Amino acid sequence: MGTQEARRTTAHDIAAGLGSNAVHDISAALNGLLADMFALYVKTKNFHWHVSGPHFRDYHLLLDDQASQLFATTDVLAERVRKLGGKTVRSIGHIARLQRVLDNDADYVTPREMLAELRADSTELASRLREAHGLCDEHGDVATASFIETWIDEAEGRAWFLLEASHEISD
């Protein structure tokens, strides 16, 4: 392939075999997931910064670890959208319009409430990831489906850790 020919290759060419509907539908689903990942990252960091109580150190470290995992996923998600030929979120405002994870701006949240809220968010995220996986299956996008399988496992892992950690809390 000559230099001129290589320059004409587009992201759509890279995702050959996927129709324009697939690129549109999958990109839209992934952007929703990307917004949710960012929203959950910020909520997790918020709780990480504000957790208190007898298990402070354990929860502080757990939430920091989970936030790091969420943040690492955002780049892979966005780059997958671009590889497909789609456009990604462009601003905090764009994220806010797409996110389904609810913000928590409360002045004080108990550790029990923090863990329960993040567990519910992670469980819901896993469900949304499964929906996106089904969409990828419909369009034959095995590469994106493969990524999503890892993210489902990670979301379930976060929910499990939060569940187990919540058993330490006494009323």
C-alpha atoms as a PDB file:
ATOM      1  CA  MET A   1       0.000   0.000   0.000  1.00  0.00           C
ATOM      2  CA  GLY A   2       1.443   3.373  -1.003  1.00  0.00           C
ATOM      3  CA  THR A   3       1.697   6.420   1.215  1.00  0.00           C
ATOM      4  CA  GLN A   4      -1.169   8.211  -0.552  1.00  0.00           C
ATOM      5  CA  GLU A   5      -3.386   5.162  -0.175  1.00  0.00           C
ATOM      6  CA  ALA A   6      -2.548   4.820   3.511  1.00  0.00           C
ATOM      7  CA  ARG A   7      -3.574   8.433   4.154  1.00  0.00           C
ATOM      8  CA  ARG A   8      -7.033   7.813   2.709  1.00  0.00           C
ATOM      9  CA  THR A   9      -7.776   5.031   5.166  1.00  0.00           C
ATOM     10  CA  THR A  10     -10.450   6.105   7.632  1.00  0.00           C
ATOM     11  CA  ALA A  11     -11.610   4.810  10.985  1.00  0.00           C
ATOM     12  CA  HIS A  12     -14.623   3.372   9.183  1.00  0.00           C
ATOM     13  CA  ASP A  13     -12.247   1.342   7.029  1.00  0.00           C
ATOM     14  CA  ILE A  14     -10.654  -0.036  10.184  1.00  0.00           C
ATOM     15  CA  ALA A  15     -14.051  -1.222  11.410  1.00  0.00           C
ATOM     16  CA  ALA A  16     -14.786  -2.801   8.023  1.00  0.00           C
ATOM     17  CA  GLY A  17     -17.783  -5.064   8.018  1.00  0.00           C
ATOM     18  CA  LEU A  18     -19.761  -2.917  10.420  1.00  0.00           C
ATOM     19  CA  GLY A  19     -22.446  -0.871   8.741  1.00  0.00           C
ATOM     20  CA  SER A  20     -23.041   2.809   9.394  1.00  0.00           C
ATOM     21  CA  ASN A  21     -25.985   1.901  11.633  1.00  0.00           C
ATOM     22  CA  ALA A  22     -23.682  -0.280  13.716  1.00  0.00           C
ATOM     23  CA  VAL A  23     -21.137   2.506  14.102  1.00  0.00           C
ATOM     24  CA  HIS A  24     -23.876   4.967  15.096  1.00  0.00           C
ATOM     25  CA  ASP A  25     -25.691   2.608  17.488  1.00  0.00           C
ATOM     26  CA  ILE A  26     -22.588   1.196  19.165  1.00  0.00           C
ATOM     27  CA  SER A  27     -20.919   4.605  19.454  1.00  0.00           C
ATOM     28  CA  ALA A  28     -24.046   6.018  21.091  1.00  0.00           C
ATOM     29  CA  ALA A  29     -24.186   3.121  23.563  1.00  0.00           C
ATOM     30  CA  LEU A  30     -20.493   3.430  24.355  1.00  0.00           C
ATOM     31  CA  ASN A  31     -20.775   7.198  24.874  1.00  0.00           C
ATOM     32  CA  GLY A  32     -23.563   6.592  27.386  1.00  0.00           C
ATOM     33  CA  LEU A  33     -21.324   4.096  29.159  1.00  0.00           C
ATOM     34  CA  LEU A  34     -18.417   6.534  28.983  1.00  0.00           C
ATOM     35  CA  ALA A  35     -20.530   9.228  30.640  1.00  0.00           C
ATOM     36  CA  ASP A  36     -21.598   6.739  33.311  1.00  0.00           C
ATOM     37  CA  MET A  37     -17.983   5.718  33.941  1.00  0.00           C
ATOM     38  CA  PHE A  38     -16.943   9.358  34.382  1.00  0.00           C
ATOM     39  CA  ALA A  39     -19.915  10.077  36.667  1.00  0.00           C
ATOM     40  CA  LEU A  40     -19.212   6.973  38.748  1.00  0.00           C
ATOM     41  CA  TYR A  41     -15.516   7.864  38.873  1.00  0.00           C
ATOM     42  CA  VAL A  42     -16.288  11.337  40.255  1.00  0.00           C
ATOM     43  CA  LYS A  43     -18.819   9.950  42.756  1.00  0.00           C
ATOM     44  CA  THR A  44     -16.334   7.311  43.910  1.00  0.00           C
ATOM     45  CA  LYS A  45     -13.601   9.941  44.350  1.00  0.00           C
ATOM     46  CA  ASN A  46     -16.072  12.166  46.231  1.00  0.00           C
ATOM     47  CA  PHE A  47     -16.818   9.341  48.655  1.00  0.00           C
ATOM     48  CA  HIS A  48     -13.099   8.478  48.844  1.00  0.00           C
ATOM     49  CA  TRP A  49     -12.336  12.058  49.922  1.00  0.00           C
ATOM     50  CA  HIS A  50     -15.193  12.241  52.435  1.00  0.00           C
ATOM     51  CA  VAL A  51     -15.356   8.775  53.994  1.00  0.00           C
ATOM     52  CA  SER A  52     -14.947   8.709  57.780  1.00  0.00           C
ATOM     53  CA  GLY A  53     -15.301   6.347  60.681  1.00  0.00           C
ATOM     54  CA  PRO A  54     -13.582   3.341  62.190  1.00  0.00           C
ATOM     55  CA  HIS A  55     -12.882   1.710  58.814  1.00  0.00           C
ATOM     56  CA  PHE A  56     -11.642   4.930  57.207  1.00  0.00           C
ATOM     57  CA  ARG A  57      -8.339   3.554  55.913  1.00  0.00           C
ATOM     58  CA  ASP A  58      -9.861   0.411  54.396  1.00  0.00           C
ATOM     59  CA  TYR A  59     -12.700   2.272  52.680  1.00  0.00           C
ATOM     60  CA  HIS A  60     -10.461   5.141  51.610  1.00  0.00           C
ATOM     61  CA  LEU A  61      -8.092   2.721  49.872  1.00  0.00           C
ATOM     62  CA  LEU A  62     -10.898   0.580  48.437  1.00  0.00           C
ATOM     63  CA  LEU A  63     -12.629   3.580  46.891  1.00  0.00           C
ATOM     64  CA  ASP A  64      -9.374   4.956  45.517  1.00  0.00           C
ATOM     65  CA  ASP A  65      -8.643   1.602  43.885  1.00  0.00           C
ATOM     66  CA  GLN A  66     -12.133   1.451  42.390  1.00  0.00           C
ATOM     67  CA  ALA A  67     -11.900   5.025  41.115  1.00  0.00           C
ATOM     68  CA  SER A  68      -8.585   4.244  39.423  1.00  0.00           C
ATOM     69  CA  GLN A  69     -10.140   1.220  37.712  1.00  0.00           C
ATOM     70  CA  LEU A  70     -13.059   3.313  36.462  1.00  0.00           C
ATOM     71  CA  PHE A  71     -10.811   6.084  35.185  1.00  0.00           C
ATOM     72  CA  ALA A  72      -8.574   3.597  33.331  1.00  0.00           C
ATOM     73  CA  THR A  73     -11.641   2.253  31.531  1.00  0.00           C
ATOM     74  CA  THR A  74     -12.628   5.673  30.187  1.00  0.00           C
ATOM     75  CA  ASP A  75      -9.684   5.935  27.806  1.00  0.00           C
ATOM     76  CA  VAL A  76     -10.198   2.438  26.395  1.00  0.00           C
ATOM     77  CA  LEU A  77     -13.915   3.154  25.939  1.00  0.00           C
ATOM     78  CA  ALA A  78     -13.353   6.467  24.167  1.00  0.00           C
ATOM     79  CA  GLU A  79     -10.648   5.035  21.930  1.00  0.00           C
ATOM     80  CA  ARG A  80     -12.941   2.161  20.957  1.00  0.00           C
ATOM     81  CA  VAL A  81     -15.568   4.683  19.829  1.00  0.00           C
ATOM     82  CA  ARG A  82     -12.933   6.459  17.723  1.00  0.00           C
ATOM     83  CA  LYS A  83     -11.698   3.178  16.214  1.00  0.00           C
ATOM     84  CA  LEU A  84     -15.250   2.512  15.086  1.00  0.00           C
ATOM     85  CA  GLY A  85     -15.358   5.930  13.420  1.00  0.00           C
ATOM     86  CA  GLY A  86     -17.628   7.554  16.001  1.00  0.00           C
ATOM     87  CA  LYS A  87     -17.226  10.703  18.056  1.00  0.00           C
ATOM     88  CA  THR A  88     -16.781  10.692  21.825  1.00  0.00           C
ATOM     89  CA  VAL A  89     -17.979  12.942  24.630  1.00  0.00           C
ATOM     90  CA  ARG A  90     -16.367  16.349  24.426  1.00  0.00           C
ATOM     91  CA  SER A  91     -17.039  18.106  27.718  1.00  0.00           C
ATOM     92  CA  ILE A  92     -18.336  17.827  31.255  1.00  0.00           C
ATOM     93  CA  GLY A  93     -21.624  19.241  29.982  1.00  0.00           C
ATOM     94  CA  HIS A  94     -21.826  16.501  27.366  1.00  0.00           C
ATOM     95  CA  ILE A  95     -21.140  13.900  30.041  1.00  0.00           C
ATOM     96  CA  ALA A  96     -23.869  15.426  32.232  1.00  0.00           C
ATOM     97  CA  ARG A  97     -26.389  15.155  29.396  1.00  0.00           C
ATOM     98  CA  LEU A  98     -25.613  11.469  28.818  1.00  0.00           C
ATOM     99  CA  GLN A  99     -24.939  10.122  32.309  1.00  0.00           C
ATOM    100  CA  ARG A 100     -27.440   7.866  34.013  1.00  0.00           C
ATOM    101  CA  VAL A 101     -25.442   7.525  37.240  1.00  0.00           C
ATOM    102  CA  LEU A 102     -26.938  10.015  39.668  1.00  0.00           C
ATOM    103  CA  ASP A 103     -24.696  12.557  41.370  1.00  0.00           C
ATOM    104  CA  ASN A 104     -24.512  12.782  45.151  1.00  0.00           C
ATOM    105  CA  ASP A 105     -23.900  16.332  46.355  1.00  0.00           C
ATOM    106  CA  ALA A 106     -24.905  15.709  49.977  1.00  0.00           C
ATOM    107  CA  ASP A 107     -22.805  17.406  52.642  1.00  0.00           C
ATOM    108  CA  TYR A 108     -22.574  14.166  54.605  1.00  0.00           C
ATOM    109  CA  VAL A 109     -23.090  10.558  53.567  1.00  0.00           C
ATOM    110  CA  THR A 110     -22.549   7.723  56.005  1.00  0.00           C
ATOM    111  CA  PRO A 111     -20.055   5.031  55.034  1.00  0.00           C
ATOM    112  CA  ARG A 112     -22.939   2.515  54.868  1.00  0.00           C
ATOM    113  CA  GLU A 113     -24.825   4.774  52.433  1.00  0.00           C
ATOM    114  CA  MET A 114     -21.687   5.366  50.363  1.00  0.00           C
ATOM    115  CA  LEU A 115     -20.986   1.673  49.926  1.00  0.00           C
ATOM    116  CA  ALA A 116     -24.633   0.852  49.214  1.00  0.00           C
ATOM    117  CA  GLU A 117     -24.970   3.633  46.631  1.00  0.00           C
ATOM    118  CA  LEU A 118     -21.770   2.691  44.830  1.00  0.00           C
ATOM    119  CA  ARG A 119     -22.750  -0.994  44.927  1.00  0.00           C
ATOM    120  CA  ALA A 120     -26.115  -0.186  43.330  1.00  0.00           C
ATOM    121  CA  ASP A 121     -24.424   2.021  40.718  1.00  0.00           C
ATOM    122  CA  SER A 122     -21.918  -0.719  39.872  1.00  0.00           C
ATOM    123  CA  THR A 123     -24.678  -3.318  39.579  1.00  0.00           C
ATOM    124  CA  GLU A 124     -26.685  -1.009  37.307  1.00  0.00           C
ATOM    125  CA  LEU A 125     -23.573  -0.302  35.236  1.00  0.00           C
ATOM    126  CA  ALA A 126     -23.056  -4.043  34.759  1.00  0.00           C
ATOM    127  CA  SER A 127     -26.640  -4.277  33.503  1.00  0.00           C
ATOM    128  CA  ARG A 128     -26.085  -1.434  31.018  1.00  0.00           C
ATOM    129  CA  LEU A 129     -22.876  -3.078  29.875  1.00  0.00           C
ATOM    130  CA  ARG A 130     -24.812  -6.284  29.175  1.00  0.00           C
ATOM    131  CA  GLU A 131     -27.287  -4.286  27.079  1.00  0.00           C
ATOM    132  CA  ALA A 132     -24.410  -2.791  25.071  1.00  0.00           C
ATOM    133  CA  HIS A 133     -22.917  -6.266  24.672  1.00  0.00           C
ATOM    134  CA  GLY A 134     -26.216  -7.435  23.179  1.00  0.00           C
ATOM    135  CA  LEU A 135     -26.127  -4.521  20.748  1.00  0.00           C
ATOM    136  CA  CYS A 136     -22.587  -5.456  19.720  1.00  0.00           C
ATOM    137  CA  ASP A 137     -23.727  -9.051  19.199  1.00  0.00           C
ATOM    138  CA  GLU A 138     -26.588  -7.846  16.971  1.00  0.00           C
ATOM    139  CA  HIS A 139     -24.117  -5.927  14.799  1.00  0.00           C
ATOM    140  CA  GLY A 140     -21.351  -8.543  14.853  1.00  0.00           C
ATOM    141  CA  ASP A 141     -18.877  -6.280  16.699  1.00  0.00           C
ATOM    142  CA  VAL A 142     -16.922  -8.966  18.517  1.00  0.00           C
ATOM    143  CA  ALA A 143     -14.014  -6.661  19.413  1.00  0.00           C
ATOM    144  CA  THR A 144     -16.180  -4.217  21.359  1.00  0.00           C
ATOM    145  CA  ALA A 145     -18.138  -7.094  22.905  1.00  0.00           C
ATOM    146  CA  SER A 146     -14.851  -8.544  24.136  1.00  0.00           C
ATOM    147  CA  PHE A 147     -13.915  -5.294  25.880  1.00  0.00           C
ATOM    148  CA  ILE A 148     -17.376  -5.096  27.413  1.00  0.00           C
ATOM    149  CA  GLU A 149     -17.056  -8.582  28.890  1.00  0.00           C
ATOM    150  CA  THR A 150     -14.021  -7.413  30.865  1.00  0.00           C
ATOM    151  CA  TRP A 151     -15.853  -4.283  32.024  1.00  0.00           C
ATOM    152  CA  ILE A 152     -18.833  -6.362  33.177  1.00  0.00           C
ATOM    153  CA  ASP A 153     -16.499  -8.506  35.270  1.00  0.00           C
ATOM    154  CA  GLU A 154     -14.877  -5.381  36.737  1.00  0.00           C
ATOM    155  CA  ALA A 155     -18.256  -3.790  37.584  1.00  0.00           C
ATOM    156  CA  GLU A 156     -19.415  -7.001  39.255  1.00  0.00           C
ATOM    157  CA  GLY A 157     -16.100  -7.166  41.128  1.00  0.00           C
ATOM    158  CA  ARG A 158     -16.541  -3.616  42.410  1.00  0.00           C
ATOM    159  CA  ALA A 159     -20.088  -4.401  43.550  1.00  0.00           C
ATOM    160  CA  TRP A 160     -18.905  -7.562  45.304  1.00  0.00           C
ATOM    161  CA  PHE A 161     -16.100  -5.768  47.158  1.00  0.00           C
ATOM    162  CA  LEU A 162     -18.529  -3.055  48.251  1.00  0.00           C
ATOM    163  CA  LEU A 163     -20.995  -5.681  49.462  1.00  0.00           C
ATOM    164  CA  GLU A 164     -18.346  -7.521  51.463  1.00  0.00           C
ATOM    165  CA  ALA A 165     -16.963  -4.276  52.904  1.00  0.00           C
ATOM    166  CA  SER A 166     -20.442  -3.201  54.001  1.00  0.00           C
ATOM    167  CA  HIS A 167     -20.695  -6.260  56.281  1.00  0.00           C
ATOM    168  CA  GLU A 168     -18.073  -4.606  58.529  1.00  0.00           C
ATOM    169  CA  ILE A 169     -20.351  -1.665  59.275  1.00  0.00           C
ATOM    170  CA  SER A 170     -22.451  -1.863  62.396  1.00  0.00           C
ATOM    171  CA  ASP A 171     -25.475   0.342  62.949  1.00  0.00           C
END
